[in-house]
Amino acid sequence: MKVTVIKKEEVEVKFVFININPRHLDEEEKPVPMLKGDTWDAIVDINTGIIRDWPQGEEREYYWKICDAGSYHLLDSDEQIVLSINNNYVPNNLLPGEWGDYLELKINGDGLITNWLSNPTAEDFYKDDED
């Protein structure tokens, strides 16, 4: 007989991959870097808050309503998915914003999220639907 065993293992997480469809994009005054269609994808270094491949010199502030329509993936240093939240609220213990509905990003010209949390956690990735 074979069974699947889930083994707890401590893994170093390096990045978060954000895949969201912000509401009201038509209200943005400038083109939104890294937007493909209605989807905004970004890989952020968790330790520094720097967005990979952010266009140099572009400064933006976003206060996007996401609600329960975003997907967030924690990646290891090899960019392999370690934990995921799919079609769910914003993990505000990891990403700046409020109440799980909003993602608030203040991005400088180097791609640094200046309001990045000083002690981000992955606790939102462990909550189940019964909470």
C-alpha atoms as a PDB file:
ATOM      1  CA  MET A   1       0.000   0.000   0.000  1.00  0.00           C
ATOM      2  CA  LYS A   2       1.203   3.499  -0.816  1.00  0.00           C
ATOM      3  CA  VAL A   3       0.099   6.657   0.948  1.00  0.00           C
ATOM      4  CA  THR A   4       0.895  10.305   0.556  1.00  0.00           C
ATOM      5  CA  VAL A   5       2.622  11.772   3.570  1.00  0.00           C
ATOM      6  CA  ILE A   6       2.762  15.490   4.155  1.00  0.00           C
ATOM      7  CA  LYS A   7       6.005  16.339   5.862  1.00  0.00           C
ATOM      8  CA  LYS A   8       6.614  19.646   7.583  1.00  0.00           C
ATOM      9  CA  GLU A   9       9.838  21.229   6.465  1.00  0.00           C
ATOM     10  CA  GLU A  10      11.332  24.628   7.124  1.00  0.00           C
ATOM     11  CA  VAL A  11      12.084  26.400   3.845  1.00  0.00           C
ATOM     12  CA  GLU A  12      13.686  29.779   3.210  1.00  0.00           C
ATOM     13  CA  VAL A  13      11.325  32.005   1.242  1.00  0.00           C
ATOM     14  CA  LYS A  14      12.958  34.650  -0.962  1.00  0.00           C
ATOM     15  CA  PHE A  15      10.187  36.114  -3.151  1.00  0.00           C
ATOM     16  CA  VAL A  16       6.464  36.651  -3.383  1.00  0.00           C
ATOM     17  CA  PHE A  17       4.823  36.426  -6.792  1.00  0.00           C
ATOM     18  CA  ILE A  18       1.751  38.662  -6.939  1.00  0.00           C
ATOM     19  CA  ASN A  19      -0.919  37.945  -9.566  1.00  0.00           C
ATOM     20  CA  ILE A  20      -3.868  40.320  -9.272  1.00  0.00           C
ATOM     21  CA  ASN A  21      -6.665  41.948 -11.249  1.00  0.00           C
ATOM     22  CA  PRO A  22      -7.035  45.380  -9.630  1.00  0.00           C
ATOM     23  CA  ARG A  23     -10.460  46.955  -9.892  1.00  0.00           C
ATOM     24  CA  HIS A  24     -10.985  50.337 -11.562  1.00  0.00           C
ATOM     25  CA  LEU A  25      -7.799  50.292 -13.640  1.00  0.00           C
ATOM     26  CA  ASP A  26      -9.523  52.589 -16.087  1.00  0.00           C
ATOM     27  CA  GLU A  27      -9.190  55.338 -13.466  1.00  0.00           C
ATOM     28  CA  GLU A  28      -5.371  55.213 -13.481  1.00  0.00           C
ATOM     29  CA  GLU A  29      -3.932  58.435 -14.878  1.00  0.00           C
ATOM     30  CA  LYS A  30      -0.773  56.862 -16.353  1.00  0.00           C
ATOM     31  CA  PRO A  31      -0.036  53.481 -17.923  1.00  0.00           C
ATOM     32  CA  VAL A  32       0.524  50.830 -15.250  1.00  0.00           C
ATOM     33  CA  PRO A  33       3.955  49.179 -15.505  1.00  0.00           C
ATOM     34  CA  MET A  34       3.863  45.375 -15.547  1.00  0.00           C
ATOM     35  CA  LEU A  35       0.176  45.237 -16.457  1.00  0.00           C
ATOM     36  CA  LYS A  36      -0.779  42.653 -19.082  1.00  0.00           C
ATOM     37  CA  GLY A  37      -4.407  43.059 -20.062  1.00  0.00           C
ATOM     38  CA  ASP A  38      -6.247  43.341 -16.745  1.00  0.00           C
ATOM     39  CA  THR A  39      -3.626  41.357 -14.818  1.00  0.00           C
ATOM     40  CA  TRP A  40      -0.727  42.803 -12.852  1.00  0.00           C
ATOM     41  CA  ASP A  41       2.107  40.346 -12.153  1.00  0.00           C
ATOM     42  CA  ALA A  42       5.142  41.126 -10.050  1.00  0.00           C
ATOM     43  CA  ILE A  43       7.889  39.253  -8.249  1.00  0.00           C
ATOM     44  CA  VAL A  44       8.999  41.032  -5.083  1.00  0.00           C
ATOM     45  CA  ASP A  45      12.088  40.255  -3.010  1.00  0.00           C
ATOM     46  CA  ILE A  46      10.653  39.696   0.471  1.00  0.00           C
ATOM     47  CA  ASN A  47      13.798  40.891   2.269  1.00  0.00           C
ATOM     48  CA  THR A  48      14.177  44.150   0.351  1.00  0.00           C
ATOM     49  CA  GLY A  49      10.717  44.976  -1.028  1.00  0.00           C
ATOM     50  CA  ILE A  50      12.177  45.505  -4.506  1.00  0.00           C
ATOM     51  CA  ILE A  51      10.032  44.589  -7.516  1.00  0.00           C
ATOM     52  CA  ARG A  52      11.965  42.626 -10.106  1.00  0.00           C
ATOM     53  CA  ASP A  53      12.103  44.192 -13.586  1.00  0.00           C
ATOM     54  CA  TRP A  54      10.446  47.433 -12.488  1.00  0.00           C
ATOM     55  CA  PRO A  55      11.072  50.102 -15.156  1.00  0.00           C
ATOM     56  CA  GLN A  56      13.805  52.394 -13.830  1.00  0.00           C
ATOM     57  CA  GLY A  57      12.726  55.918 -12.990  1.00  0.00           C
ATOM     58  CA  GLU A  58       8.995  55.078 -12.787  1.00  0.00           C
ATOM     59  CA  GLU A  59       7.472  56.192  -9.478  1.00  0.00           C
ATOM     60  CA  ARG A  60       3.924  55.095  -8.666  1.00  0.00           C
ATOM     61  CA  GLU A  61       1.463  54.930  -5.810  1.00  0.00           C
ATOM     62  CA  TYR A  62      -1.349  52.407  -6.031  1.00  0.00           C
ATOM     63  CA  TYR A  63      -4.266  51.821  -3.710  1.00  0.00           C
ATOM     64  CA  TRP A  64      -5.972  48.927  -5.422  1.00  0.00           C
ATOM     65  CA  LYS A  65      -9.071  47.076  -4.343  1.00  0.00           C
ATOM     66  CA  ILE A  66      -8.446  43.389  -4.878  1.00  0.00           C
ATOM     67  CA  CYS A  67     -10.849  41.697  -2.414  1.00  0.00           C
ATOM     68  CA  ASP A  68     -10.783  37.941  -2.870  1.00  0.00           C
ATOM     69  CA  ALA A  69      -9.542  37.825  -6.444  1.00  0.00           C
ATOM     70  CA  GLY A  70      -5.758  37.716  -6.085  1.00  0.00           C
ATOM     71  CA  SER A  71      -3.232  34.911  -6.144  1.00  0.00           C
ATOM     72  CA  TYR A  72      -0.010  35.081  -4.151  1.00  0.00           C
ATOM     73  CA  HIS A  73       2.836  32.589  -4.244  1.00  0.00           C
ATOM     74  CA  LEU A  74       5.804  32.351  -1.902  1.00  0.00           C
ATOM     75  CA  LEU A  75       8.922  31.298  -3.810  1.00  0.00           C
ATOM     76  CA  ASP A  76      12.241  29.912  -2.650  1.00  0.00           C
ATOM     77  CA  SER A  77      15.605  31.115  -3.987  1.00  0.00           C
ATOM     78  CA  ASP A  78      15.181  28.831  -7.038  1.00  0.00           C
ATOM     79  CA  GLU A  79      11.777  30.452  -7.643  1.00  0.00           C
ATOM     80  CA  GLN A  80       9.922  27.248  -6.870  1.00  0.00           C
ATOM     81  CA  ILE A  81       6.501  27.688  -5.258  1.00  0.00           C
ATOM     82  CA  VAL A  82       6.559  26.898  -1.550  1.00  0.00           C
ATOM     83  CA  LEU A  83       3.089  28.103  -0.488  1.00  0.00           C
ATOM     84  CA  SER A  84       0.188  29.679  -2.376  1.00  0.00           C
ATOM     85  CA  ILE A  85      -3.029  31.549  -1.854  1.00  0.00           C
ATOM     86  CA  ASN A  86      -5.273  31.421  -4.918  1.00  0.00           C
ATOM     87  CA  ASN A  87      -8.313  33.587  -5.597  1.00  0.00           C
ATOM     88  CA  ASN A  88      -8.285  34.973  -2.111  1.00  0.00           C
ATOM     89  CA  TYR A  89      -7.851  38.117  -0.059  1.00  0.00           C
ATOM     90  CA  VAL A  90      -4.644  40.156   0.050  1.00  0.00           C
ATOM     91  CA  PRO A  91      -2.253  38.668   2.642  1.00  0.00           C
ATOM     92  CA  ASN A  92      -1.793  41.923   4.544  1.00  0.00           C
ATOM     93  CA  ASN A  93       0.639  40.312   6.982  1.00  0.00           C
ATOM     94  CA  LEU A  94       2.994  40.118   4.007  1.00  0.00           C
ATOM     95  CA  LEU A  95       1.871  42.890   1.633  1.00  0.00           C
ATOM     96  CA  PRO A  96       1.013  46.492   2.511  1.00  0.00           C
ATOM     97  CA  GLY A  97      -2.665  47.366   2.537  1.00  0.00           C
ATOM     98  CA  GLU A  98      -5.651  46.988   4.787  1.00  0.00           C
ATOM     99  CA  TRP A  99      -8.424  44.564   5.690  1.00  0.00           C
ATOM    100  CA  GLY A 100      -7.496  41.972   3.077  1.00  0.00           C
ATOM    101  CA  ASP A 101      -9.381  43.899   0.405  1.00  0.00           C
ATOM    102  CA  TYR A 102      -6.698  46.409  -0.527  1.00  0.00           C
ATOM    103  CA  LEU A 103      -3.122  46.398  -1.759  1.00  0.00           C
ATOM    104  CA  GLU A 104      -1.308  49.689  -1.211  1.00  0.00           C
ATOM    105  CA  LEU A 105       2.025  50.139  -2.962  1.00  0.00           C
ATOM    106  CA  LYS A 106       4.289  53.179  -2.904  1.00  0.00           C
ATOM    107  CA  ILE A 107       7.001  52.413  -5.443  1.00  0.00           C
ATOM    108  CA  ASN A 108      10.083  54.568  -6.004  1.00  0.00           C
ATOM    109  CA  GLY A 109      12.048  54.901  -9.248  1.00  0.00           C
ATOM    110  CA  ASP A 110      14.244  51.913  -8.357  1.00  0.00           C
ATOM    111  CA  GLY A 111      11.282  49.561  -7.895  1.00  0.00           C
ATOM    112  CA  LEU A 112      11.478  49.678  -4.099  1.00  0.00           C
ATOM    113  CA  ILE A 113       8.139  49.458  -2.333  1.00  0.00           C
ATOM    114  CA  THR A 114       8.811  52.172   0.242  1.00  0.00           C
ATOM    115  CA  ASN A 115       5.929  51.120   2.499  1.00  0.00           C
ATOM    116  CA  TRP A 116       7.043  47.471   2.529  1.00  0.00           C
ATOM    117  CA  LEU A 117       6.373  45.817   5.879  1.00  0.00           C
ATOM    118  CA  SER A 118       9.399  45.743   8.172  1.00  0.00           C
ATOM    119  CA  ASN A 119       8.519  42.286   9.530  1.00  0.00           C
ATOM    120  CA  PRO A 120       6.405  40.506   6.921  1.00  0.00           C
ATOM    121  CA  THR A 121       5.014  37.093   7.831  1.00  0.00           C
ATOM    122  CA  ALA A 122       3.483  34.178   5.966  1.00  0.00           C
ATOM    123  CA  GLU A 123       0.743  33.542   8.534  1.00  0.00           C
ATOM    124  CA  ASP A 124      -2.039  34.334   6.033  1.00  0.00           C
ATOM    125  CA  PHE A 125      -0.833  31.392   3.926  1.00  0.00           C
ATOM    126  CA  TYR A 126      -1.750  28.968   6.722  1.00  0.00           C
ATOM    127  CA  LYS A 127      -5.305  30.099   7.411  1.00  0.00           C
ATOM    128  CA  ASP A 128      -8.039  27.798   6.263  1.00  0.00           C
ATOM    129  CA  ASP A 129     -11.617  28.545   5.283  1.00  0.00           C
ATOM    130  CA  GLU A 130     -12.937  27.600   8.732  1.00  0.00           C
ATOM    131  CA  ASP A 131     -11.437  30.662  10.456  1.00  0.00           C
END
